[in-house]
């Protein structure tokens, strides 16, 4: 059992079945963590610049995307949504940008 699977089993065992869908993509993850009700990751996407962060939070019902972008003095945030099917499609077709597959937008 690898460390991410162990982490999922310990922190959010209810998401183990969901994690199994994502496990084959773990080499593409730059970061990974898990909490009681979701796991999150960032990927190596060539369209994400040094002034941007894109965090994928996988909940049982959907994937929330936190898009952070910075200028010289401020950080801005957009929240997007994807289905798990859309997220897996995105991971399958990397390096195409994530926003081609997401839906909805809210500004924070």
Protein backbone atom coordinates (compact mmCIF):
# COMPACT_ATOMS: atom_id res chain seq x y z
CA UNK A 1 0.00 0.00 0.00
CA UNK A 2 1.47 3.38 -0.98
CA UNK A 3 1.56 6.40 1.31
CA UNK A 4 -1.32 8.29 -0.38
CA UNK A 5 -3.58 5.26 -0.10
CA UNK A 6 -2.55 4.87 3.55
CA UNK A 7 -3.24 8.55 4.10
CA UNK A 8 -6.72 8.21 2.54
CA UNK A 9 -7.46 5.14 4.65
CA UNK A 10 -6.47 7.04 7.79
CA UNK A 11 -7.90 10.53 7.14
CA UNK A 12 -10.99 9.89 5.01
CA UNK A 13 -11.73 6.17 4.66
CA UNK A 14 -15.19 6.96 3.28
CA UNK A 15 -13.45 8.29 0.15
CA UNK A 16 -11.38 5.16 -0.51
CA UNK A 17 -13.55 4.11 -3.45
CA UNK A 18 -13.29 7.61 -4.92
CA UNK A 19 -9.50 7.63 -4.42
CA UNK A 20 -9.22 4.39 -6.38
CA UNK A 21 -10.44 6.30 -9.46
CA UNK A 22 -7.68 8.90 -9.01
CA UNK A 23 -4.81 6.67 -7.89
CA UNK A 24 -3.50 6.04 -11.40
CA UNK A 25 -2.87 9.81 -11.79
CA UNK A 26 -0.87 10.31 -8.61
CA UNK A 27 2.41 10.75 -10.52
CA UNK A 28 0.91 13.92 -11.98
CA UNK A 29 0.22 15.36 -8.52
CA UNK A 30 2.66 18.01 -7.27
CA UNK A 31 0.93 18.17 -3.88
CA UNK A 32 -1.53 15.94 -2.10
CA UNK A 33 -3.35 16.02 1.24
CA UNK A 34 -6.51 14.65 2.80
CA UNK A 35 -8.91 15.70 5.51
CA UNK A 36 -11.99 14.10 7.01
CA UNK A 37 -14.26 14.73 4.02
CA UNK A 38 -12.08 15.35 0.94
CA UNK A 39 -8.64 14.91 -0.56
CA UNK A 40 -6.90 17.58 -2.58
CA UNK A 41 -4.08 17.85 -5.06
CA UNK A 42 -2.31 20.15 -7.49
CA UNK A 43 -0.98 18.97 -10.85
CA UNK A 44 1.88 19.78 -13.18
CA UNK A 45 -0.09 21.74 -15.78
CA UNK A 46 2.06 23.80 -18.17
CA UNK A 47 -0.71 26.41 -18.45
CA UNK A 48 -0.51 27.26 -14.74
CA UNK A 49 1.96 30.13 -14.31
CA UNK A 50 4.20 30.95 -11.36
CA UNK A 51 1.65 33.53 -10.21
CA UNK A 52 -1.20 30.99 -10.10
CA UNK A 53 -2.23 28.04 -7.94
CA UNK A 54 -4.97 25.58 -8.85
CA UNK A 55 -6.13 23.25 -6.08
CA UNK A 56 -8.49 20.36 -6.81
CA UNK A 57 -10.57 19.32 -3.79
CA UNK A 58 -12.28 15.95 -4.32
CA UNK A 59 -15.42 15.52 -2.26
CA UNK A 60 -17.67 12.51 -2.61
CA UNK A 61 -20.26 14.46 -4.60
CA UNK A 62 -18.06 16.79 -6.73
CA UNK A 63 -14.68 18.39 -7.31
CA UNK A 64 -14.17 21.96 -6.11
CA UNK A 65 -11.40 23.93 -7.77
CA UNK A 66 -9.74 26.82 -6.01
CA UNK A 67 -7.99 29.07 -8.49
CA UNK A 68 -5.63 31.62 -6.87
CA UNK A 69 -3.84 34.23 -8.93
CA UNK A 70 -1.58 37.06 -7.88
CA UNK A 71 -0.39 40.38 -9.16
CA UNK A 72 2.35 42.43 -7.51
CA UNK A 73 0.37 43.16 -4.36
CA UNK A 74 -2.89 41.18 -4.21
CA UNK A 75 -4.11 37.59 -4.40
CA UNK A 76 -7.44 36.86 -6.04
CA UNK A 77 -9.61 33.75 -5.84
CA UNK A 78 -12.14 32.05 -8.09
CA UNK A 79 -14.07 28.93 -7.15
CA UNK A 80 -15.03 26.48 -9.89
CA UNK A 81 -16.77 23.09 -9.96
CA UNK A 82 -16.26 19.86 -11.88
CA UNK A 83 -17.83 16.48 -11.77
CA UNK A 84 -15.49 13.59 -11.05
CA UNK A 85 -15.93 12.48 -14.64
CA UNK A 86 -14.77 15.90 -15.85
CA UNK A 87 -11.79 15.88 -13.49
CA UNK A 88 -10.72 12.42 -14.63
CA UNK A 89 -11.14 13.55 -18.24
CA UNK A 90 -8.89 16.54 -17.48
CA UNK A 91 -6.24 14.33 -15.88
CA UNK A 92 -6.40 11.98 -18.88
CA UNK A 93 -5.77 14.76 -21.36
CA UNK A 94 -3.13 16.84 -19.58
CA UNK A 95 -1.54 19.19 -20.59
CA UNK A 96 -4.74 20.90 -21.81
CA UNK A 97 -5.80 23.59 -19.33
CA UNK A 98 -8.25 22.77 -16.50
CA UNK A 99 -10.68 25.62 -17.24
CA UNK A 100 -11.73 24.03 -20.54
CA UNK A 101 -13.57 21.37 -18.51
CA UNK A 102 -14.82 23.19 -15.36
CA UNK A 103 -18.27 24.66 -14.98
CA UNK A 104 -19.56 27.65 -13.06
CA UNK A 105 -17.62 30.41 -11.43
CA UNK A 106 -17.88 32.44 -8.25
CA UNK A 107 -15.60 35.25 -7.19
CA UNK A 108 -14.31 35.50 -3.64
